[in-house]
Amino acid sequence: MISFTWFFNKRGCSASVHPIGNVPDILQAGNISWTASGSTNPVCTDRAEPNDQNCANFIRVARHLSSQSLLVCGTNAYSPRCREYKYDPAQRNYTWKTDVDGQSICPQDRNSSAAVLFVNNRQIAALSARAGIPRVPAVLEAKPLRTRPEDPTQLAADAEFVGAFAFDDHAYFFLTESAPEKDHCGPRTAATVARVCVNDPGGAPPHDWMWTTLRKVRLQCSLNGTKPFVFTDIAAVSPIMTRWNKAFVFYALFRIKGSPFQGSAVCAFSVDDLIATISDGKPGREKCPAQPTIVGNETQFLQDNSPLSRREVHNYLNEPMLAHVGFDYHYTSLWIDPQVRTVSGKRYDVFFIGTSHGHVIKAVNVGHNSISTVVIEDIIVFPGEDPVLDLKIVRRPGVVTLLVTTYHELVSVPLDNCNWTVRTCTQCIGLQDPYCAWNKDTTKCESLVDQAVPKNAVQEVASGHSLECPDEFSKHMKNMKFPHGSDPWAIDNTASSGRATPHLYSAHTLGFAITFCIMGSVVIGFGIGYWYRHNQRKDMAYFNYR
């Protein structure tokens, strides 16, 4: 059996698919090259701008069908195709066996979004709107089932999908779409979850093309649960669910669009809250039917079974796990390493967040019944400030690494930097990194990634300090007198680790910053308008306003 971990960024890899073996220090496992078919190039030439990079073949789907076969789908110069490849262990090579149309599973270009699930031998694909004349609206389908074209109650034509996962008997798709039900000035979008039963049998003929289990609910990631500061657009979702504070949660990344500043946040959501809200309080909605549903009157059926829930799912504890508001960068991608076990036996979720200026932020929430997020480090992965498009932790025998991609590069980054700049016990403990612990026997800060915990290990992720540290700093601190109410053990992560970390803003600070930016924009706009009107008044004197 072949056991490869395939990796390609969600925006596509031109002309080839590579296993993680092409990353330095990881054994090369194989390579597949597949260029755009010549017969489609004229179509690409007619439709695209000169030198359009989308006239290549960008790989958007890659998945094992069996122990020796692989499904690969590419954009193929605006004409998506899918191939099945067979692996020859003797030759350590792949040959393609079938080549079929991929319009129903693969986007047309590297920038269009899509989410595809293979569950119980069924393919469920969500494709965003595709350019062309006429424009093809977004669709959620599992042949022969599909959403109704141009029906905003089922799926807005401009829906942008960012991810999906399966849970129990359901498939969940995450997207941003126009929200016509919002009573808001100007265009309004909303982060949305669409759910269908994996085994949805459809309607009875002639409605056997209809989803009968489609449900939708809006997600709200906001500061302190207040609507004025809602991060409206979902940008990424972690496919990994985890336990936290007795709740089963998943994490998603959100952004604010159409604003003078760049705002982004990572929020947690309770799976139980999602299931209860998407069912809209109607019994039986969480169950999947075994037989086709008799639709009768199609219009009446759709009215009686409106997929959108009347309520929203709010972020867990009504606060983001981490947020950034400013003019310099925003979050772009997310990966979670769930339930990392520490020396004390406690477990923490570790966040890896890619940014638009080529950084990866590593953070951990040390709160138990509340959110108290610590930024462990801010890693400059791409000095050229290329946006990070995708993140993935890969675990193979002897190798554990974080893969980081842009449009042009794939970089392997270690999960920790425990022994790079850390020299003392206090510095090591001050990192508050679940991957790092101080070994009193070797007097070194050692990595716990894929390693057994040393017998005399010291680690305090929650507090960032320990009286067990024997270094000179700790000895002196014990004997010093401090003003009443001060904390001698407060650790500055930036100073102790030698690495710059971004500011972690409280909800109140972020709220003030957003309000200040909005008010500043209004004042500046008013000033410009007043100046223009005042200086143009003479030129406009000949107008006779009645």
Protein backbone atom coordinates (compact mmCIF):
# COMPACT_ATOMS: atom_id res chain seq x y z
CA MET A 1 0.00 0.00 0.00
CA ILE A 2 1.25 3.49 -0.81
CA SER A 3 1.04 6.01 2.01
CA PHE A 4 1.68 9.51 0.75
CA THR A 5 0.50 12.81 2.14
CA TRP A 6 -0.35 14.94 -0.86
CA PHE A 7 -0.29 18.67 -0.55
CA PHE A 8 -1.30 21.45 -2.88
CA ASN A 9 -2.49 24.87 -1.89
CA LYS A 10 -6.19 25.61 -2.15
CA ARG A 11 -5.58 28.07 -5.00
CA GLY A 12 -3.90 25.43 -7.12
CA CYS A 13 -0.48 24.29 -8.23
CA SER A 14 0.27 24.80 -11.90
CA ALA A 15 0.88 21.78 -14.11
CA SER A 16 1.91 19.32 -11.41
CA VAL A 17 0.95 17.55 -8.20
CA HIS A 18 3.61 16.74 -5.64
CA PRO A 19 3.61 14.75 -2.43
CA ILE A 20 5.27 16.41 0.51
CA GLY A 21 8.42 14.60 -0.55
CA ASN A 22 9.48 17.60 -2.65
CA VAL A 23 10.05 19.66 0.50
CA PRO A 24 13.68 19.72 1.73
CA ASP A 25 14.54 17.16 4.41
CA ILE A 26 11.56 14.96 3.46
CA LEU A 27 12.13 11.95 1.25
CA GLN A 28 10.92 12.42 -2.34
CA ALA A 29 7.96 10.12 -2.91
CA GLY A 30 6.89 10.79 -6.48
CA ASN A 31 5.80 13.34 -9.02
CA ILE A 32 2.96 13.82 -11.50
CA SER A 33 3.08 16.36 -14.32
CA TRP A 34 -0.03 17.30 -16.28
CA THR A 35 -0.17 20.29 -18.58
CA ALA A 36 -3.26 21.85 -20.15
CA SER A 37 -4.63 19.88 -23.10
CA GLY A 38 -3.86 21.43 -26.47
CA SER A 39 -7.46 21.20 -27.64
CA THR A 40 -8.56 23.66 -24.96
CA ASN A 41 -5.92 26.29 -25.58
CA PRO A 42 -7.90 28.09 -28.36
CA VAL A 43 -10.85 28.41 -25.97
CA CYS A 44 -8.51 29.88 -23.39
CA THR A 45 -7.09 32.31 -25.95
CA ASP A 46 -10.55 33.52 -26.90
CA ARG A 47 -11.72 34.05 -23.33
CA ALA A 48 -8.65 35.20 -21.44
CA GLU A 49 -6.59 38.33 -21.35
CA PRO A 50 -3.15 38.22 -23.00
CA ASN A 51 -0.66 36.24 -20.89
CA ASP A 52 -3.44 35.04 -18.61
CA GLN A 53 -1.84 32.65 -16.13
CA ASN A 54 -5.10 30.71 -15.89
CA CYS A 55 -4.33 29.26 -19.31
CA ALA A 56 -2.28 26.66 -17.46
CA ASN A 57 -3.52 23.60 -15.58
CA PHE A 58 -3.93 24.30 -11.88
CA ILE A 59 -4.49 21.25 -9.71
CA ARG A 60 -7.45 21.83 -7.37
CA VAL A 61 -8.48 18.33 -6.24
CA ALA A 62 -6.27 15.39 -5.27
CA ARG A 63 -7.46 12.42 -3.27
CA HIS A 64 -6.77 8.70 -2.83
CA LEU A 65 -9.50 6.48 -4.25
CA SER A 66 -7.78 3.30 -3.05
CA SER A 67 -4.39 2.13 -1.85
CA GLN A 68 -3.01 2.27 -5.41
CA SER A 69 -5.10 4.92 -7.18
CA LEU A 70 -5.36 8.68 -7.03
CA LEU A 71 -7.96 11.14 -8.35
CA VAL A 72 -6.53 14.43 -9.65
CA CYS A 73 -8.58 17.33 -11.07
CA GLY A 74 -7.20 20.44 -12.73
CA THR A 75 -8.52 23.69 -14.22
CA ASN A 76 -7.08 22.71 -17.63
CA ALA A 77 -7.21 26.22 -19.13
CA TYR A 78 -10.81 26.97 -18.15
CA SER A 79 -11.98 23.45 -19.11
CA PRO A 80 -11.69 21.34 -15.92
CA ARG A 81 -10.70 17.69 -16.31
CA CYS A 82 -10.22 14.83 -13.84
CA ARG A 83 -7.82 11.92 -14.13
CA GLU A 84 -7.38 8.68 -12.24
CA TYR A 85 -3.76 7.67 -11.74
CA LYS A 86 -2.46 4.22 -10.84
CA TYR A 87 0.72 3.76 -8.83
CA ASP A 88 3.38 1.23 -9.82
CA PRO A 89 5.47 0.36 -6.72
CA ALA A 90 8.18 -1.30 -8.80
CA GLN A 91 8.70 1.76 -11.01
CA ARG A 92 7.78 4.25 -8.27
CA ASN A 93 5.75 6.05 -10.89
CA TYR A 94 2.18 6.96 -11.85
CA THR A 95 0.26 6.42 -15.07
CA TRP A 96 -3.17 7.85 -15.78
CA LYS A 97 -5.94 5.43 -16.64
CA THR A 98 -9.02 7.60 -17.19
CA ASP A 99 -9.66 11.19 -18.22
CA VAL A 100 -13.16 12.63 -17.67
CA ASP A 101 -14.91 15.99 -17.59
CA GLY A 102 -14.38 17.80 -14.29
CA GLN A 103 -16.91 20.64 -14.54
CA SER A 104 -18.95 19.28 -11.63
CA ILE A 105 -16.05 18.95 -9.21
CA CYS A 106 -13.28 21.39 -10.15
CA PRO A 107 -13.23 25.21 -10.50
CA GLN A 108 -12.38 26.80 -13.84
CA ASP A 109 -9.40 28.84 -12.63
CA ARG A 110 -7.00 29.06 -9.75
CA ASN A 111 -8.82 31.97 -8.07
CA SER A 112 -12.32 30.48 -7.97
CA SER A 113 -13.21 28.71 -4.77
CA ALA A 114 -14.60 25.23 -4.28
CA ALA A 115 -15.13 22.63 -1.58
CA VAL A 116 -15.39 18.92 -2.31
CA LEU A 117 -16.20 16.02 0.01
CA PHE A 118 -16.07 12.28 -0.65
CA VAL A 119 -18.24 10.56 1.95
CA ASN A 120 -19.65 7.01 1.84
CA ASN A 121 -18.69 6.65 -1.83
CA ARG A 122 -20.57 9.83 -2.68
CA GLN A 123 -19.06 12.98 -4.14
CA ILE A 124 -20.54 16.27 -2.92
CA ALA A 125 -19.13 19.39 -4.57
CA ALA A 126 -19.71 23.08 -3.92
CA LEU A 127 -18.52 25.37 -6.70
CA SER A 128 -18.51 29.15 -6.59
CA ALA A 129 -19.83 31.27 -9.45
CA ARG A 130 -17.92 30.81 -12.70
CA ALA A 131 -17.12 33.60 -15.14
CA GLY A 132 -18.38 33.52 -18.67
CA ILE A 133 -21.32 34.45 -20.86
CA PRO A 134 -23.73 33.57 -19.45
CA ARG A 135 -22.29 33.58 -15.93
CA VAL A 136 -22.71 30.25 -14.14
CA PRO A 137 -24.04 30.73 -10.58
CA ALA A 138 -22.72 28.93 -7.53
CA VAL A 139 -24.00 25.41 -7.03
CA LEU A 140 -24.01 22.62 -4.43
CA GLU A 141 -24.47 19.25 -6.06
CA ALA A 142 -24.13 15.52 -5.68
CA LYS A 143 -25.41 14.08 -8.92
CA PRO A 144 -28.25 14.00 -9.64
CA LEU A 145 -29.01 16.41 -6.77
CA ARG A 146 -28.29 20.13 -7.09
CA THR A 147 -29.43 23.48 -5.77
CA ARG A 148 -31.88 25.48 -7.87
CA PRO A 149 -30.06 27.98 -10.12
CA GLU A 150 -30.64 31.63 -9.20
CA ASP A 151 -32.61 30.72 -6.07
CA PRO A 152 -31.10 32.88 -3.29
CA THR A 153 -33.05 31.05 -0.59
CA GLN A 154 -31.05 27.92 -1.38
CA LEU A 155 -27.75 29.45 -2.47
CA ALA A 156 -26.83 32.97 -3.54
CA ALA A 157 -25.40 33.21 -7.04
CA ASP A 158 -22.28 34.95 -5.67
CA ALA A 159 -21.53 32.34 -2.97
CA GLU A 160 -17.82 31.81 -2.24
CA PHE A 161 -16.96 28.47 -0.59
CA VAL A 162 -13.95 28.18 1.70
CA GLY A 163 -14.14 24.68 3.16
CA ALA A 164 -16.20 21.68 4.23
CA PHE A 165 -16.24 18.73 6.59
CA ALA A 166 -18.44 15.73 7.31
CA PHE A 167 -19.86 15.02 10.77
CA ASP A 168 -22.13 12.10 11.61
CA ASP A 169 -24.54 11.72 8.67
CA HIS A 170 -24.20 15.29 7.42
CA ALA A 171 -21.90 17.32 5.18
CA TYR A 172 -21.24 20.93 6.19
CA PHE A 173 -20.12 23.55 3.65
CA PHE A 174 -18.81 26.96 4.68
CA LEU A 175 -19.32 30.00 2.47
CA THR A 176 -19.84 33.73 2.23
CA GLU A 177 -22.89 34.90 0.31
CA SER A 178 -25.22 37.85 -0.13
CA ALA A 179 -27.81 38.01 2.63
CA PRO A 180 -31.03 39.53 1.29
CA GLU A 181 -32.77 39.15 4.64
CA LYS A 182 -30.40 41.65 6.28
CA ASP A 183 -31.97 45.09 6.78
CA HIS A 184 -28.73 46.96 6.25
CA CYS A 185 -27.64 49.94 4.18
CA GLY A 186 -25.83 48.87 1.03
CA PRO A 187 -24.67 45.38 0.08
CA ARG A 188 -24.56 42.89 2.92
CA THR A 189 -22.81 39.56 3.01
CA ALA A 190 -22.94 36.88 5.66
CA ALA A 191 -20.83 33.93 6.71
CA THR A 192 -23.00 30.87 6.19
CA VAL A 193 -23.03 27.13 6.80
CA ALA A 194 -24.98 24.93 4.38
CA ARG A 195 -25.78 21.39 5.56
CA VAL A 196 -27.10 18.39 3.64
CA CYS A 197 -27.53 14.74 4.49
CA VAL A 198 -24.82 12.65 2.92
CA ASN A 199 -27.40 10.07 1.85
CA ASP A 200 -30.09 12.56 0.75
CA PRO A 201 -32.25 10.49 -1.64
CA GLY A 202 -33.79 13.57 -3.26
CA GLY A 203 -37.43 14.06 -4.07
CA ALA A 204 -39.76 11.58 -5.67
CA PRO A 205 -39.93 11.90 -9.49
CA PRO A 206 -40.11 14.33 -11.19
CA HIS A 207 -38.31 16.15 -8.35
CA ASP A 208 -35.50 13.64 -8.02
CA TRP A 209 -32.96 16.42 -8.70
CA MET A 210 -33.86 18.38 -5.54
CA TRP A 211 -32.03 18.49 -2.23
CA THR A 212 -34.67 17.73 0.40
CA THR A 213 -32.38 18.08 3.43
CA LEU A 214 -30.66 21.39 2.61
CA ARG A 215 -30.41 23.65 5.66
CA LYS A 216 -28.54 26.93 6.16
CA VAL A 217 -27.53 29.07 9.11
CA ARG A 218 -25.56 32.30 9.49
CA LEU A 219 -22.38 32.38 11.56
CA GLN A 220 -21.60 35.48 13.59
CA CYS A 221 -18.02 36.13 14.66
CA SER A 222 -18.05 39.37 16.64
CA LEU A 223 -16.42 41.27 19.48
CA ASN A 224 -18.31 40.61 22.71
CA GLY A 225 -21.24 39.47 20.62
CA THR A 226 -22.03 43.04 19.55
CA LYS A 227 -23.36 43.38 16.02
CA PRO A 228 -21.60 46.67 15.11
CA PHE A 229 -18.30 44.78 15.12
CA VAL A 230 -19.15 41.67 13.15
CA PHE A 231 -16.54 40.02 10.95
CA THR A 232 -18.88 39.35 8.04
CA ASP A 233 -16.89 37.19 5.61
CA ILE A 234 -15.60 33.71 6.37
CA ALA A 235 -12.14 33.16 4.87
CA ALA A 236 -11.14 29.70 6.12
CA VAL A 237 -12.31 26.88 8.35
CA SER A 238 -10.27 24.26 10.12
CA PRO A 239 -11.37 20.73 9.15
CA ILE A 240 -10.45 19.54 12.63
CA MET A 241 -12.96 19.60 15.48
CA THR A 242 -11.80 19.43 19.08
CA ARG A 243 -12.89 19.46 22.73
CA TRP A 244 -12.62 22.62 24.77
CA ASN A 245 -14.29 23.56 28.04
CA LYS A 246 -16.59 20.51 27.78
CA ALA A 247 -17.76 21.66 24.35
CA PHE A 248 -17.12 20.18 20.92
CA VAL A 249 -15.87 23.10 18.82
CA PHE A 250 -14.49 24.00 15.42
CA TYR A 251 -12.55 27.11 14.42
CA ALA A 252 -13.00 29.48 11.50
CA LEU A 253 -11.25 32.59 10.21
CA PHE A 254 -13.24 35.73 9.40
CA ARG A 255 -12.57 39.08 7.74
CA ILE A 256 -14.19 42.48 7.30
CA LYS A 257 -14.45 43.56 3.66
CA GLY A 258 -15.41 46.88 2.13
CA SER A 259 -13.81 48.82 4.98
CA PRO A 260 -10.90 51.32 5.05
CA PHE A 261 -9.10 49.12 7.59
CA GLN A 262 -8.23 45.43 7.53
CA GLY A 263 -9.96 43.45 10.23
CA SER A 264 -9.73 39.69 10.75
CA ALA A 265 -10.37 37.25 13.57
CA VAL A 266 -10.37 33.58 14.53
CA CYS A 267 -13.55 32.42 16.26
CA ALA A 268 -14.62 29.15 17.85
CA PHE A 269 -18.11 27.70 17.43
CA SER A 270 -19.89 24.99 19.37
CA VAL A 271 -20.93 22.04 17.21
CA ASP A 272 -23.95 21.48 19.47
CA ASP A 273 -25.02 25.11 18.99
CA LEU A 274 -24.64 24.72 15.23
CA ILE A 275 -26.76 21.56 15.09
CA ALA A 276 -29.47 23.00 17.36
CA THR A 277 -29.66 26.30 15.47
CA ILE A 278 -29.59 24.89 11.96
CA SER A 279 -32.51 22.59 12.86
CA ASP A 280 -34.45 25.77 13.74
CA GLY A 281 -36.29 24.07 16.58
CA LYS A 282 -38.19 21.78 14.22
CA PRO A 283 -38.15 18.13 15.32
CA GLY A 284 -36.75 15.65 12.86
CA ARG A 285 -34.62 18.12 10.92
CA GLU A 286 -31.44 16.60 12.30
CA LYS A 287 -32.42 13.17 10.96
CA CYS A 288 -31.72 11.98 7.43
CA PRO A 289 -34.55 10.34 5.45
CA ALA A 290 -34.10 6.84 4.07
CA GLN A 291 -36.66 7.21 1.27
CA PRO A 292 -37.24 9.90 -1.37
CA THR A 293 -39.47 12.75 -0.23
CA ILE A 294 -42.76 13.31 -2.04
CA VAL A 295 -42.58 16.96 -3.05
CA GLY A 296 -45.98 17.53 -4.63
CA ASN A 297 -46.16 21.25 -5.38
CA GLU A 298 -42.55 22.40 -5.77
CA THR A 299 -43.16 26.06 -4.90
CA GLN A 300 -45.19 25.20 -1.80
CA PHE A 301 -42.61 22.63 -0.70
CA LEU A 302 -39.81 25.20 -0.89
CA GLN A 303 -41.86 27.75 1.03
CA ASP A 304 -42.69 25.27 3.77
CA ASN A 305 -39.10 24.04 3.95
CA SER A 306 -37.13 27.27 3.74
CA PRO A 307 -33.52 26.21 4.33
CA LEU A 308 -32.37 29.34 6.20
CA SER A 309 -32.65 29.25 9.98
CA ARG A 310 -34.27 32.21 11.71
CA ARG A 311 -31.46 32.36 14.27
CA GLU A 312 -27.70 32.83 14.03
CA VAL A 313 -24.86 30.84 15.57
CA HIS A 314 -22.71 33.11 17.71
CA ASN A 315 -19.05 32.53 18.38
CA TYR A 316 -18.29 30.54 21.51
CA LEU A 317 -18.11 32.73 24.64
CA ASN A 318 -18.89 35.75 22.41
CA GLU A 319 -15.23 36.66 21.89
CA PRO A 320 -12.71 35.90 19.14
CA MET A 321 -9.81 33.65 19.98
CA LEU A 322 -7.51 36.14 18.27
CA ALA A 323 -8.16 39.30 16.27
CA HIS A 324 -6.26 41.97 14.36
CA VAL A 325 -7.47 45.34 13.13
CA GLY A 326 -5.19 47.70 11.24
CA PHE A 327 -4.00 48.89 7.87
CA ASP A 328 -0.91 46.66 7.53
CA TYR A 329 -2.12 43.06 7.10
CA HIS A 330 -4.94 40.58 7.66
CA TYR A 331 -5.27 36.88 8.39
CA THR A 332 -5.49 34.62 5.34
CA SER A 333 -5.33 30.96 6.43
CA LEU A 334 -5.77 28.74 9.47
CA TRP A 335 -4.65 25.38 10.81
CA ILE A 336 -5.24 23.88 14.25
CA ASP A 337 -3.12 21.31 16.05
CA PRO A 338 -5.75 19.99 18.47
CA GLN A 339 -5.33 18.88 22.07
CA VAL A 340 -1.56 19.06 22.35
CA ARG A 341 -0.65 17.27 25.59
CA THR A 342 1.61 19.10 28.04
CA VAL A 343 3.85 17.91 30.88
CA SER A 344 1.05 18.35 33.44
CA GLY A 345 -1.37 16.33 31.33
CA LYS A 346 -3.47 19.33 30.30
CA ARG A 347 -4.26 19.73 26.63
CA TYR A 348 -4.32 22.85 24.49
CA ASP A 349 -5.29 23.71 20.92
CA VAL A 350 -2.42 25.40 19.08
CA PHE A 351 -3.30 27.88 16.32
CA PHE A 352 -1.26 28.55 13.20
CA ILE A 353 -2.49 31.61 11.30
CA GLY A 354 -1.15 32.75 7.95
CA THR A 355 -1.14 36.44 7.06
CA SER A 356 -1.27 38.61 3.96
CA HIS A 357 2.33 39.78 4.50
CA GLY A 358 4.01 36.37 4.59
CA HIS A 359 3.99 35.63 8.33
CA VAL A 360 2.72 32.69 10.37
CA ILE A 361 1.42 33.50 13.84
CA LYS A 362 1.47 30.71 16.41
CA ALA A 363 -0.86 31.11 19.38
CA VAL A 364 -2.50 29.13 22.16
CA ASN A 365 -5.57 29.76 24.29
CA VAL A 366 -4.57 29.14 27.91
CA GLY A 367 -8.01 29.94 29.33
CA HIS A 368 -10.19 27.16 30.67
CA ASN A 369 -13.61 28.76 31.08
CA SER A 370 -12.65 31.92 29.24
CA ILE A 371 -10.60 33.09 26.27
CA SER A 372 -7.04 34.08 27.14
CA THR A 373 -4.93 33.75 24.02
CA VAL A 374 -1.15 33.99 24.06
CA VAL A 375 0.83 34.73 20.90
CA ILE A 376 3.84 32.42 21.13
CA GLU A 377 5.70 33.67 18.09
CA ASP A 378 5.37 35.58 14.84
CA ILE A 379 7.38 33.76 12.16
CA ILE A 380 8.52 35.62 9.05
CA VAL A 381 8.24 32.81 6.51
CA PHE A 382 8.29 34.89 3.32
CA PRO A 383 10.39 38.08 3.65
CA GLY A 384 9.01 39.23 0.29
CA GLU A 385 5.59 39.51 1.98
CA ASP A 386 3.86 37.01 -0.31
CA PRO A 387 0.43 36.18 1.15
CA VAL A 388 0.18 32.80 2.86
CA LEU A 389 -2.51 30.84 1.02
CA ASP A 390 -2.60 27.58 2.92
CA LEU A 391 -1.28 25.78 6.00
CA LYS A 392 -1.12 22.11 6.89
CA ILE A 393 0.60 20.07 9.60
CA VAL A 394 2.02 16.82 8.24
CA ARG A 395 2.97 13.90 10.45
CA ARG A 396 4.97 11.01 9.05
CA PRO A 397 7.34 8.60 10.80
CA GLY A 398 10.26 10.71 11.96
CA VAL A 399 8.89 13.92 10.43
CA VAL A 400 6.47 16.47 11.87
CA THR A 401 6.32 19.80 10.08
CA LEU A 402 4.11 22.72 9.10
CA LEU A 403 3.75 23.22 5.35
CA VAL A 404 3.21 26.82 4.27
CA THR A 405 2.34 27.82 0.70
CA THR A 406 2.00 30.88 -1.48
CA TYR A 407 1.18 30.94 -5.19
CA HIS A 408 4.82 30.22 -5.95
CA GLU A 409 6.44 28.48 -2.97
CA LEU A 410 6.01 25.57 -0.60
CA VAL A 411 8.02 25.86 2.61
CA SER A 412 8.49 23.45 5.51
CA VAL A 413 8.50 25.15 8.93
CA PRO A 414 9.21 23.40 12.28
CA LEU A 415 6.38 23.47 14.80
CA ASP A 416 8.63 24.97 17.47
CA ASN A 417 11.79 26.99 18.03
CA CYS A 418 12.42 25.77 21.57
CA ASN A 419 16.21 25.72 21.47
CA TRP A 420 17.01 28.36 18.85
CA THR A 421 17.33 31.47 21.02
CA VAL A 422 16.23 30.22 24.45
CA ARG A 423 19.08 29.80 26.92
CA THR A 424 17.49 29.85 30.39
CA CYS A 425 14.69 28.06 32.17
CA THR A 426 12.77 31.29 32.70
CA GLN A 427 12.89 32.08 28.99
CA CYS A 428 11.76 28.56 28.09
CA ILE A 429 8.81 28.60 30.50
CA GLY A 430 7.96 32.15 29.45
CA LEU A 431 7.29 31.02 25.90
CA GLN A 432 4.08 29.33 27.10
CA ASP A 433 4.56 26.95 24.19
CA PRO A 434 2.94 23.51 24.63
CA TYR A 435 5.65 22.07 22.39
CA CYS A 436 8.52 23.25 24.67
CA ALA A 437 9.71 22.19 28.14
CA TRP A 438 12.82 22.81 30.22
CA ASN A 439 14.85 19.66 30.92
CA LYS A 440 16.51 20.08 34.32
CA ASP A 441 18.90 17.21 33.61
CA THR A 442 20.31 18.63 30.36
CA THR A 443 19.59 22.29 31.29
CA LYS A 444 18.11 22.86 27.84
CA CYS A 445 14.78 23.96 26.41
CA GLU A 446 13.70 20.88 24.49
CA SER A 447 10.99 20.14 21.97
CA LEU A 448 8.21 17.74 22.92
CA VAL A 449 7.04 17.33 19.32
CA ASP A 450 6.96 13.62 18.58
CA GLN A 451 9.15 13.03 21.66
CA ALA A 452 8.69 11.42 25.06
CA VAL A 453 8.37 13.83 27.97
CA PRO A 454 11.63 13.98 30.01
CA LYS A 455 11.36 12.87 33.63
CA ASN A 456 12.56 16.19 35.05
CA ALA A 457 10.71 18.45 32.65
CA VAL A 458 9.40 21.86 33.71
CA GLN A 459 6.54 23.51 31.83
CA GLU A 460 3.82 26.02 32.76
CA VAL A 461 1.76 26.90 29.69
CA ALA A 462 -1.04 28.63 31.60
CA SER A 463 1.03 31.03 33.72
CA GLY A 464 4.37 31.29 31.92
CA HIS A 465 6.44 31.06 35.12
CA SER A 466 7.64 28.36 37.51
CA LEU A 467 9.45 28.36 40.84
CA GLU A 468 11.27 25.24 39.66
CA CYS A 469 13.48 27.28 37.35
CA PRO A 470 16.98 27.16 38.85
CA ASP A 471 18.58 29.90 36.76
CA GLU A 472 20.08 32.99 38.30
CA PHE A 473 17.15 35.22 37.33
CA SER A 474 14.72 33.13 39.36
CA LYS A 475 17.06 33.02 42.38
CA HIS A 476 17.37 36.77 42.48
CA MET A 477 13.66 37.30 41.94
CA LYS A 478 12.82 35.21 45.02
CA ASN A 479 14.84 37.53 47.27
CA MET A 480 13.68 40.84 45.77
CA LYS A 481 10.95 43.01 47.27
CA PHE A 482 8.22 44.25 44.99
CA PRO A 483 5.57 46.96 45.33
CA HIS A 484 2.22 45.76 46.62
CA GLY A 485 0.05 44.28 43.87
CA SER A 486 2.82 43.76 41.31
CA ASP A 487 3.62 40.44 39.70
CA PRO A 488 7.37 39.61 39.73
CA TRP A 489 6.83 36.63 37.51
CA ALA A 490 5.11 38.42 34.61
CA ILE A 491 7.00 37.40 31.49
CA ASP A 492 7.33 39.52 28.38
CA ASN A 493 7.31 36.94 25.57
CA THR A 494 8.86 39.38 23.14
CA ALA A 495 11.81 40.11 25.42
CA SER A 496 12.36 36.58 26.67
CA SER A 497 12.23 34.82 23.35
CA GLY A 498 14.11 37.34 21.28
CA ARG A 499 11.33 37.31 18.71
CA ALA A 500 8.87 40.03 17.87
CA THR A 501 5.24 39.13 18.45
CA PRO A 502 2.16 40.99 17.29
CA HIS A 503 -0.06 42.76 19.78
CA LEU A 504 -2.99 40.78 21.11
CA TYR A 505 -5.83 43.21 21.49
CA SER A 506 -8.66 42.93 23.96
CA ALA A 507 -12.22 43.15 22.74
CA HIS A 508 -12.59 46.66 24.20
CA THR A 509 -9.39 47.88 22.55
CA LEU A 510 -10.44 46.42 19.22
CA GLY A 511 -13.88 47.97 19.54
CA PHE A 512 -12.33 51.37 20.22
CA ALA A 513 -9.92 50.97 17.30
CA ILE A 514 -12.71 50.08 14.88
CA THR A 515 -14.86 52.98 16.09
CA PHE A 516 -11.90 55.37 15.80
CA CYS A 517 -11.16 54.20 12.24
CA ILE A 518 -14.79 54.61 11.19
CA MET A 519 -15.12 58.06 12.74
CA GLY A 520 -11.77 59.10 11.27
CA SER A 521 -12.87 58.02 7.81
CA VAL A 522 -16.13 59.96 8.17
CA VAL A 523 -14.31 63.13 9.29
CA ILE A 524 -11.75 62.90 6.50
CA GLY A 525 -14.48 62.29 3.92
CA PHE A 526 -16.48 65.25 5.22
CA GLY A 527 -13.38 67.46 5.10
CA ILE A 528 -12.59 66.50 1.52
CA GLY A 529 -16.20 67.09 0.47
CA TYR A 530 -16.31 70.48 2.18
CA TRP A 531 -13.02 71.56 0.57
CA TYR A 532 -14.19 70.44 -2.86
CA ARG A 533 -17.53 72.21 -2.55
CA HIS A 534 -15.94 75.41 -1.22
CA ASN A 535 -13.30 75.60 -3.97
CA GLN A 536 -15.68 74.69 -6.77
CA ARG A 537 -18.43 77.12 -5.77
CA LYS A 538 -17.24 79.88 -8.14
CA ASP A 539 -17.03 77.54 -11.11
CA MET A 540 -20.56 76.34 -10.42
CA ALA A 541 -22.14 79.80 -10.11
CA TYR A 542 -23.72 79.57 -13.54
CA PHE A 543 -25.97 76.71 -12.46
CA ASN A 544 -29.50 77.79 -11.62
CA TYR A 545 -30.79 75.46 -8.90
CA ARG A 546 -34.57 75.57 -8.53
